[in-house]
Amino acid sequence: MRQSQLFCKTRKEAPKDEVARNAELLIRAGFIHKEMAGVYSLLPLGLRVIEKIKQVVREEMNAIGGEELALSALQDPEVWTKTERWNDSVVDVWFKTKLKNDSELGLAPTHEEPLTNIMLNHIHSYKDLPVYVYQFQNKFRNELRSKSGILRGREFLMKDLYSFTSSVEELDKFYEKVAEAYTSVFKRVGIGDKTYRTLASGGMFSKWSDEFQTITETGEDTIYLDEKKKIAVNEEVNGPQALSDLGLKDEDLKKVKAIEVGNIFKLGIKYSAPIGLEYTDKDGIKKPVVMGSYGIGITRLMGAIVEIFADAKGIVWPKEVAPFQVHLLLIDGEKSKEEADKLYKLLTDEGIEVLYDDRDLRAGEKFADSDLIGIPKRVIVSDRALVSGGFEVVVRKTGESRIVGAKDILKEVKSEH
């Protein structure tokens, strides 16, 4: 991509009503556009990051047997009434509307009910189980407070996985597989060493659930972390019973702020029983299907990555989710332009994703934009660097700079350092 052809531009200031650091930086860097409180549109750079995150999650979900589908956001009240979750006193975040014939519809905040209803057509026997299905879809929640940027939106992209199994034991085994897959996801997107499995309330579903919390001073949640055992307890459930169940001691725990980037629940028969999702076992006995649900907020994860790694100059993207791998900056005159054009072709021919800043701007403006956008490696083509024997390569995360000769530039941009 030539930056001169990129319609979205950087800006010096975020909207005055934006207080969240993640949204301020993403807006200023041209990744998202704020529509209203809690609602953001993805611009080309932002969409590239989201697609990178989705692909990591997709690969890990497929690896544990997940099948991808896509469900409707529009919801018929009938199936939700069976579980009493159409009631605003039970679920208070519904966006509801009416059709012209005066019948009600809702925009889905989650998808347990509609998917369980679909499975009535597909699960009848123990031979049909287990089923593991997931989707990437926008959810809608009428949040009272939406002051955390894309960490807490009224419309947001989620990966939600649902498991349908024949027994609690089978659910337990898959639940741990998902936990391992989540650990792999967070490691791949660059936050693995800061993210901890955290005991949390099971709410209406079970005694406990598990959250995945990423440590950062700007986090909304408070957790108590055992750094040696690498597990934590959410503040809302921190107490003798929770510590006993995890084998933790209060004196070993450190109080820290964190952002929740994923959660997993054992639903049991909470939804299958009222909706009537049953299977016939080997003995011909009908039993309710046992369920689990597993979520990762995709847009939320993008915001968390920004919060965790950003510095005073702007965003710092981990390599796997960066919109481009290299930010190529053209500085100076005709000789530099000739070399930059050649390098751009060389890198793109090798399959390396490059944002080429070929704009007619001062060097300082280009450097400032590059810092703000946060691509992992910057390659500067300038008369000065060419005289010194090659191109200047700057690592965004560390600021480390070095001159690299033309024959070594491919190896350099492909390296992890």
Protein backbone atom coordinates (compact mmCIF):
# COMPACT_ATOMS: atom_id res chain seq x y z
CA MET A 1 0.00 0.00 0.00
CA ARG A 2 1.29 3.44 -0.96
CA GLN A 3 0.50 5.85 1.83
CA SER A 4 -0.30 8.56 -0.69
CA GLN A 5 -3.27 6.41 -1.78
CA LEU A 6 -4.48 5.62 1.75
CA PHE A 7 -7.62 7.72 2.25
CA CYS A 8 -7.46 7.74 6.05
CA LYS A 9 -5.05 10.27 7.51
CA THR A 10 -3.38 10.73 10.87
CA ARG A 11 -4.49 13.59 13.09
CA LYS A 12 -2.87 15.52 15.91
CA GLU A 13 -5.86 15.37 18.26
CA ALA A 14 -8.55 12.83 19.05
CA PRO A 15 -12.21 13.91 19.43
CA LYS A 16 -12.69 16.07 22.52
CA ASP A 17 -15.25 13.66 23.99
CA GLU A 18 -12.88 10.67 23.74
CA VAL A 19 -11.19 9.81 27.04
CA ALA A 20 -9.95 6.27 26.44
CA ARG A 21 -6.28 5.99 25.53
CA ASN A 22 -6.83 3.07 23.12
CA ALA A 23 -9.46 4.95 21.13
CA GLU A 24 -7.53 8.24 21.18
CA LEU A 25 -4.50 6.58 19.60
CA LEU A 26 -6.46 4.44 17.15
CA ILE A 27 -8.45 7.47 15.97
CA ARG A 28 -5.38 9.69 15.68
CA ALA A 29 -3.46 7.00 13.78
CA GLY A 30 -6.32 6.44 11.32
CA PHE A 31 -7.39 2.93 12.39
CA ILE A 32 -10.95 3.67 13.53
CA HIS A 33 -13.61 6.37 13.24
CA LYS A 34 -15.84 7.27 16.18
CA GLU A 35 -19.53 7.32 15.21
CA MET A 36 -20.93 7.95 18.70
CA ALA A 37 -20.25 6.87 22.28
CA GLY A 38 -19.39 3.17 22.25
CA VAL A 39 -19.67 2.82 18.46
CA TYR A 40 -16.65 2.82 16.14
CA SER A 41 -16.14 2.04 12.47
CA LEU A 42 -13.03 0.24 11.25
CA LEU A 43 -10.93 2.07 8.67
CA PRO A 44 -8.55 0.16 6.34
CA LEU A 45 -5.64 0.02 8.82
CA GLY A 46 -7.93 -1.06 11.64
CA LEU A 47 -9.59 -3.73 9.52
CA ARG A 48 -6.18 -5.18 8.65
CA VAL A 49 -5.37 -5.56 12.35
CA ILE A 50 -8.76 -7.10 13.10
CA GLU A 51 -8.36 -9.62 10.26
CA LYS A 52 -4.93 -10.58 11.60
CA ILE A 53 -6.37 -11.19 15.08
CA LYS A 54 -9.31 -13.13 13.63
CA GLN A 55 -6.99 -15.40 11.68
CA VAL A 56 -4.95 -16.27 14.77
CA VAL A 57 -8.14 -17.06 16.69
CA ARG A 58 -9.60 -19.00 13.74
CA GLU A 59 -6.52 -21.21 13.45
CA GLU A 60 -6.58 -22.04 17.16
CA MET A 61 -10.32 -22.77 17.19
CA ASN A 62 -10.04 -24.99 14.12
CA ALA A 63 -7.17 -26.86 15.78
CA ILE A 64 -9.45 -28.04 18.61
CA GLY A 65 -12.24 -29.11 16.27
CA GLY A 66 -14.23 -25.91 15.94
CA GLU A 67 -16.40 -25.33 12.86
CA GLU A 68 -17.01 -21.76 11.77
CA LEU A 69 -20.49 -20.44 10.99
CA ALA A 70 -22.29 -17.11 10.98
CA LEU A 71 -25.58 -16.47 12.76
CA SER A 72 -28.07 -13.67 12.32
CA ALA A 73 -27.83 -10.62 14.58
CA LEU A 74 -31.63 -10.13 14.38
CA GLN A 75 -33.39 -12.11 17.10
CA ASP A 76 -36.92 -13.51 17.42
CA PRO A 77 -38.16 -13.08 21.01
CA GLU A 78 -39.77 -16.54 21.04
CA VAL A 79 -36.66 -18.60 21.71
CA TRP A 80 -35.30 -16.09 24.25
CA THR A 81 -38.61 -16.15 26.13
CA LYS A 82 -38.09 -19.87 26.80
CA THR A 83 -35.01 -19.07 28.89
CA GLU A 84 -36.55 -15.86 30.31
CA ARG A 85 -33.73 -13.78 28.85
CA TRP A 86 -35.99 -11.63 26.68
CA ASN A 87 -37.02 -10.00 29.95
CA ASP A 88 -35.19 -6.68 30.46
CA SER A 89 -34.98 -7.32 34.18
CA VAL A 90 -32.90 -10.45 33.43
CA VAL A 91 -30.83 -9.09 30.52
CA ASP A 92 -30.71 -5.30 30.76
CA VAL A 93 -28.56 -4.55 27.69
CA TRP A 94 -31.00 -5.39 24.89
CA PHE A 95 -31.42 -3.20 21.84
CA LYS A 96 -35.03 -3.90 20.78
CA THR A 97 -37.13 -2.63 17.89
CA LYS A 98 -40.39 -3.39 16.08
CA LEU A 99 -41.18 -4.43 12.55
CA LYS A 100 -43.88 -2.61 10.58
CA ASN A 101 -46.35 -5.36 11.56
CA ASP A 102 -45.65 -4.40 15.20
CA SER A 103 -43.81 -7.62 16.11
CA GLU A 104 -40.66 -7.22 18.20
CA LEU A 105 -37.06 -7.97 17.26
CA GLY A 106 -33.79 -7.68 19.13
CA LEU A 107 -30.13 -7.28 18.24
CA ALA A 108 -28.21 -10.17 19.73
CA PRO A 109 -25.97 -9.46 22.75
CA THR A 110 -24.89 -13.12 22.64
CA HIS A 111 -26.02 -16.29 20.83
CA GLU A 112 -26.65 -19.19 23.23
CA GLU A 113 -30.40 -19.34 22.61
CA PRO A 114 -30.54 -19.06 18.81
CA LEU A 115 -27.73 -21.57 18.32
CA THR A 116 -29.31 -24.04 20.75
CA ASN A 117 -32.54 -23.64 18.78
CA ILE A 118 -30.70 -24.38 15.50
CA MET A 119 -29.23 -27.54 17.03
CA LEU A 120 -32.77 -28.94 17.49
CA ASN A 121 -32.53 -29.75 13.77
CA HIS A 122 -29.09 -31.35 13.96
CA ILE A 123 -28.62 -33.12 17.30
CA HIS A 124 -30.83 -36.15 18.01
CA SER A 125 -28.55 -39.01 18.99
CA TYR A 126 -25.32 -39.52 20.92
CA LYS A 127 -23.83 -40.18 17.49
CA ASP A 128 -24.38 -36.51 16.63
CA LEU A 129 -22.20 -35.35 19.53
CA PRO A 130 -19.95 -33.57 20.28
CA VAL A 131 -20.46 -30.40 18.24
CA TYR A 132 -18.15 -27.38 18.52
CA VAL A 133 -19.13 -24.31 16.51
CA TYR A 134 -17.95 -20.72 16.55
CA GLN A 135 -18.42 -17.42 14.75
CA PHE A 136 -17.05 -13.91 14.43
CA GLN A 137 -19.94 -11.51 14.68
CA ASN A 138 -20.90 -8.05 15.85
CA LYS A 139 -22.74 -8.04 19.18
CA PHE A 140 -24.95 -5.25 20.46
CA ARG A 141 -25.20 -4.26 24.11
CA ASN A 142 -26.90 -1.17 25.44
CA GLU A 143 -24.15 -0.33 27.91
CA LEU A 144 -24.90 2.49 30.33
CA ARG A 145 -21.26 3.53 30.31
CA SER A 146 -19.13 3.51 27.18
CA LYS A 147 -16.08 5.50 28.17
CA SER A 148 -13.42 2.84 27.57
CA GLY A 149 -13.07 3.16 23.81
CA ILE A 150 -13.18 -0.17 22.03
CA LEU A 151 -12.69 -2.02 25.31
CA ARG A 152 -16.40 -1.60 26.11
CA GLY A 153 -18.57 -0.84 23.11
CA ARG A 154 -22.26 -0.83 22.36
CA GLU A 155 -21.40 -2.63 19.12
CA PHE A 156 -18.34 -4.86 19.05
CA LEU A 157 -16.87 -7.86 17.26
CA MET A 158 -16.72 -11.10 19.22
CA LYS A 159 -15.56 -14.63 18.60
CA ASP A 160 -18.05 -16.85 20.38
CA LEU A 161 -17.60 -20.62 20.48
CA TYR A 162 -20.25 -23.02 21.79
CA SER A 163 -19.81 -26.66 22.70
CA PHE A 164 -22.53 -29.31 22.72
CA THR A 165 -21.58 -32.53 24.50
CA SER A 166 -23.19 -35.62 26.00
CA SER A 167 -21.87 -35.29 29.56
CA VAL A 168 -20.28 -33.02 32.13
CA GLU A 169 -17.09 -35.07 31.84
CA GLU A 170 -16.93 -34.47 28.10
CA LEU A 171 -17.57 -30.76 28.68
CA ASP A 172 -14.78 -30.60 31.26
CA LYS A 173 -12.26 -32.08 28.82
CA PHE A 174 -13.17 -29.68 26.03
CA TYR A 175 -13.22 -26.74 28.44
CA GLU A 176 -9.55 -27.35 29.22
CA LYS A 177 -8.75 -27.65 25.52
CA VAL A 178 -10.27 -24.23 24.96
CA ALA A 179 -8.28 -22.81 27.87
CA GLU A 180 -5.09 -24.10 26.25
CA ALA A 181 -6.13 -22.70 22.87
CA TYR A 182 -6.78 -19.30 24.45
CA THR A 183 -3.34 -19.34 26.03
CA SER A 184 -1.91 -19.99 22.56
CA VAL A 185 -3.96 -17.15 21.03
CA PHE A 186 -2.74 -14.61 23.55
CA LYS A 187 0.84 -15.76 23.19
CA ARG A 188 0.68 -15.42 19.40
CA VAL A 189 -0.77 -11.90 19.49
CA GLY A 190 2.03 -10.78 21.80
CA ILE A 191 0.40 -10.61 25.25
CA GLY A 192 0.98 -14.15 26.47
CA ASP A 193 3.49 -13.20 29.16
CA LYS A 194 1.06 -10.64 30.58
CA THR A 195 -2.15 -12.71 30.45
CA TYR A 196 -3.35 -15.01 33.23
CA ARG A 197 -6.16 -17.48 33.65
CA THR A 198 -8.32 -15.94 36.35
CA LEU A 199 -11.03 -17.51 38.48
CA ALA A 200 -14.28 -15.56 38.24
CA SER A 201 -17.95 -15.90 39.08
CA GLY A 202 -19.95 -18.43 37.09
CA GLY A 203 -22.97 -16.16 37.36
CA MET A 204 -26.22 -17.98 36.64
CA PHE A 205 -24.39 -20.84 34.94
CA SER A 206 -22.03 -22.50 37.39
CA LYS A 207 -20.05 -21.93 40.58
CA TRP A 208 -17.02 -20.60 38.75
CA SER A 209 -15.96 -19.48 35.31
CA ASP A 210 -12.57 -18.53 33.93
CA GLU A 211 -11.47 -15.17 32.59
CA PHE A 212 -8.23 -14.37 30.82
CA GLN A 213 -6.93 -11.12 32.25
CA THR A 214 -4.05 -9.09 30.82
CA ILE A 215 -2.05 -7.01 33.28
CA THR A 216 -1.96 -3.27 32.60
CA GLU A 217 -2.22 -0.17 34.75
CA THR A 218 -5.11 1.10 32.64
CA GLY A 219 -7.22 -2.03 33.20
CA GLU A 220 -10.84 -1.86 34.36
CA ASP A 221 -10.64 -4.99 36.51
CA THR A 222 -8.75 -5.78 39.72
CA ILE A 223 -7.30 -9.27 40.14
CA TYR A 224 -5.14 -11.01 42.71
CA LEU A 225 -2.23 -12.77 41.02
CA ASP A 226 0.05 -15.59 42.11
CA GLU A 227 3.03 -14.88 39.85
CA LYS A 228 4.73 -18.22 40.55
CA LYS A 229 1.67 -20.37 39.78
CA LYS A 230 0.60 -17.99 36.98
CA ILE A 231 -3.06 -18.00 38.02
CA ALA A 232 -5.24 -15.30 39.48
CA VAL A 233 -8.55 -14.59 41.20
CA ASN A 234 -10.93 -11.80 40.22
CA GLU A 235 -11.56 -9.34 43.03
CA GLU A 236 -15.29 -10.08 42.91
CA VAL A 237 -14.76 -13.69 44.04
CA ASN A 238 -11.54 -13.36 46.05
CA GLY A 239 -12.16 -15.22 49.31
CA PRO A 240 -11.37 -18.39 51.29
CA GLN A 241 -13.44 -20.70 49.05
CA ALA A 242 -11.90 -19.46 45.80
CA LEU A 243 -8.37 -19.63 47.20
CA SER A 244 -9.00 -23.12 48.57
CA ASP A 245 -10.33 -24.36 45.21
CA LEU A 246 -7.20 -23.05 43.46
CA GLY A 247 -4.72 -24.04 46.17
CA LEU A 248 -3.63 -20.43 46.66
CA LYS A 249 -2.56 -18.52 49.76
CA ASP A 250 -3.59 -14.94 50.39
CA GLU A 251 -0.05 -13.89 51.29
CA ASP A 252 1.23 -15.06 47.88
CA LEU A 253 -1.17 -12.84 45.93
CA LYS A 254 -0.37 -9.49 44.31
CA LYS A 255 -3.16 -6.98 43.64
CA VAL A 256 -2.98 -5.69 40.05
CA LYS A 257 -5.13 -3.97 37.41
CA ALA A 258 -6.03 -5.91 34.28
CA ILE A 259 -8.12 -6.02 31.09
CA GLU A 260 -10.34 -9.05 30.49
CA VAL A 261 -9.56 -10.36 26.99
CA GLY A 262 -11.46 -13.66 27.09
CA ASN A 263 -13.80 -15.81 29.17
CA ILE A 264 -15.10 -19.37 29.26
CA PHE A 265 -18.25 -20.75 30.92
CA LYS A 266 -19.63 -24.19 31.69
CA LEU A 267 -23.30 -23.71 30.86
CA GLY A 268 -24.47 -27.24 31.64
CA ILE A 269 -28.15 -27.61 30.67
CA LYS A 270 -29.08 -23.98 31.41
CA TYR A 271 -30.23 -23.44 27.80
CA SER A 272 -30.67 -26.92 26.40
CA ALA A 273 -33.30 -27.95 28.97
CA PRO A 274 -35.81 -25.07 28.49
CA ILE A 275 -35.34 -25.05 24.71
CA GLY A 276 -35.72 -28.84 24.57
CA LEU A 277 -32.37 -29.79 23.05
CA GLU A 278 -32.02 -33.49 23.88
CA TYR A 279 -30.19 -36.51 22.53
CA THR A 280 -30.88 -40.22 22.80
CA ASP A 281 -28.05 -42.13 24.50
CA LYS A 282 -26.85 -45.66 23.75
CA ASP A 283 -29.58 -47.10 25.97
CA GLY A 284 -32.34 -45.18 24.21
CA ILE A 285 -32.78 -42.70 27.06
CA LYS A 286 -33.35 -39.04 26.25
CA LYS A 287 -31.01 -36.59 28.00
CA PRO A 288 -30.42 -32.84 27.76
CA VAL A 289 -27.31 -31.78 25.84
CA VAL A 290 -24.55 -30.33 28.01
CA MET A 291 -23.20 -26.96 26.84
CA GLY A 292 -20.32 -24.53 27.22
CA SER A 293 -19.60 -21.07 25.83
CA TYR A 294 -16.26 -19.40 25.15
CA GLY A 295 -15.73 -15.77 24.16
CA ILE A 296 -12.95 -13.50 22.93
CA GLY A 297 -13.75 -9.87 22.15
CA ILE A 298 -11.84 -9.28 18.92
CA THR A 299 -12.14 -5.49 18.87
CA ARG A 300 -11.59 -5.47 22.63
CA LEU A 301 -8.38 -7.44 22.14
CA MET A 302 -7.16 -4.88 19.61
CA GLY A 303 -7.82 -2.13 22.15
CA ALA A 304 -6.06 -4.07 24.90
CA ILE A 305 -2.95 -4.52 22.73
CA VAL A 306 -2.85 -0.75 22.17
CA GLU A 307 -3.24 -0.03 25.89
CA ILE A 308 -0.50 -2.48 26.83
CA PHE A 309 2.21 -1.61 24.31
CA ALA A 310 1.67 2.05 23.35
CA ASP A 311 4.33 4.55 24.37
CA ALA A 312 4.55 8.34 24.43
CA LYS A 313 4.93 8.47 20.63
CA GLY A 314 2.02 6.23 19.66
CA ILE A 315 1.00 2.62 19.03
CA VAL A 316 3.47 -0.29 19.08
CA TRP A 317 2.03 -3.35 17.28
CA PRO A 318 3.31 -6.88 17.91
CA LYS A 319 4.45 -8.44 14.63
CA GLU A 320 1.65 -10.99 14.22
CA VAL A 321 -1.18 -8.45 14.33
CA ALA A 322 0.48 -5.36 12.81
CA PRO A 323 -1.33 -3.92 9.78
CA PHE A 324 1.96 -4.10 7.83
CA GLN A 325 5.32 -5.61 8.71
CA VAL A 326 7.42 -2.77 7.29
CA HIS A 327 6.90 0.98 7.09
CA LEU A 328 9.03 2.19 4.19
CA LEU A 329 9.81 5.90 4.39
CA LEU A 330 11.10 7.87 1.41
CA ILE A 331 13.20 10.85 2.44
CA ASP A 332 15.10 13.34 0.21
CA GLY A 333 15.45 13.43 -3.59
CA GLU A 334 15.37 11.54 -6.89
CA LYS A 335 18.13 9.05 -6.06
CA SER A 336 16.34 8.06 -2.86
CA LYS A 337 13.02 7.75 -4.69
CA GLU A 338 14.52 5.42 -7.26
CA GLU A 339 15.98 3.21 -4.54
CA ALA A 340 12.79 3.32 -2.45
CA ASP A 341 10.66 2.27 -5.41
CA LYS A 342 13.02 -0.64 -6.12
CA LEU A 343 12.99 -1.69 -2.46
CA TYR A 344 9.19 -1.49 -2.32
CA LYS A 345 8.93 -3.86 -5.27
CA LEU A 346 11.55 -6.21 -3.85
CA LEU A 347 9.80 -6.48 -0.48
CA THR A 348 6.30 -6.89 -1.89
CA ASP A 349 7.51 -9.49 -4.41
CA GLU A 350 8.81 -11.45 -1.41
CA GLY A 351 5.35 -11.36 0.16
CA ILE A 352 6.28 -8.82 2.83
CA GLU A 353 3.47 -6.44 3.75
CA VAL A 354 4.71 -2.88 3.25
CA LEU A 355 3.19 0.53 3.86
CA TYR A 356 5.21 2.84 1.59
CA ASP A 357 5.23 6.47 2.71
CA ASP A 358 5.79 8.10 -0.66
CA ARG A 359 4.04 11.34 0.33
CA ASP A 360 5.56 14.75 -0.31
CA LEU A 361 6.01 15.69 3.36
CA ARG A 362 8.85 16.79 5.60
CA ALA A 363 10.91 14.02 7.21
CA GLY A 364 9.76 15.00 10.69
CA GLU A 365 6.10 14.58 9.75
CA LYS A 366 6.79 11.15 8.29
CA PHE A 367 8.71 10.02 11.37
CA ALA A 368 5.94 11.25 13.69
CA ASP A 369 3.25 9.45 11.65
CA SER A 370 5.34 6.28 11.59
CA ASP A 371 5.70 6.36 15.38
CA LEU A 372 1.97 6.93 15.80
CA ILE A 373 0.93 4.12 13.43
CA GLY A 374 3.30 1.69 15.14
CA ILE A 375 4.41 -0.76 12.42
CA PRO A 376 7.15 -3.03 13.86
CA LYS A 377 9.98 -2.04 11.50
CA ARG A 378 10.71 1.21 9.74
CA VAL A 379 13.03 1.28 6.74
CA ILE A 380 14.25 4.77 5.83
CA VAL A 381 15.57 5.45 2.34
CA SER A 382 17.51 8.71 2.36
CA ASP A 383 20.52 10.25 0.65
CA ARG A 384 22.40 10.11 3.94
CA ALA A 385 21.72 6.42 4.51
CA LEU A 386 22.59 5.58 0.91
CA VAL A 387 25.93 7.34 1.30
CA SER A 388 26.50 5.31 4.46
CA GLY A 389 26.04 2.11 2.52
CA GLY A 390 22.40 1.15 2.57
CA PHE A 391 19.09 1.76 4.35
CA GLU A 392 18.35 2.80 7.92
CA VAL A 393 16.26 0.25 9.81
CA VAL A 394 14.51 1.30 13.03
CA VAL A 395 12.76 -1.13 15.38
CA ARG A 396 9.59 0.59 16.62
CA LYS A 397 9.46 -1.18 19.99
CA THR A 398 13.02 -0.39 21.10
CA GLY A 399 14.00 2.52 18.89
CA GLU A 400 17.14 0.61 17.90
CA SER A 401 18.57 1.92 14.62
CA ARG A 402 21.16 0.50 12.21
CA ILE A 403 22.32 0.87 8.62
CA VAL A 404 21.72 -2.27 6.57
CA GLY A 405 23.19 -2.90 3.13
CA ALA A 406 20.99 -3.68 0.13
CA LYS A 407 22.09 -7.32 0.03
CA ASP A 408 21.05 -7.88 3.66
CA ILE A 409 17.81 -5.92 3.77
CA LEU A 410 15.51 -8.88 3.10
CA LYS A 411 17.07 -10.91 5.87
CA GLU A 412 16.86 -7.93 8.20
CA VAL A 413 13.16 -7.18 7.72
CA LYS A 414 12.27 -10.86 8.06
CA SER A 415 14.22 -11.27 11.30
CA GLU A 416 12.47 -11.24 14.69
CA HIS A 417 14.77 -8.54 16.06
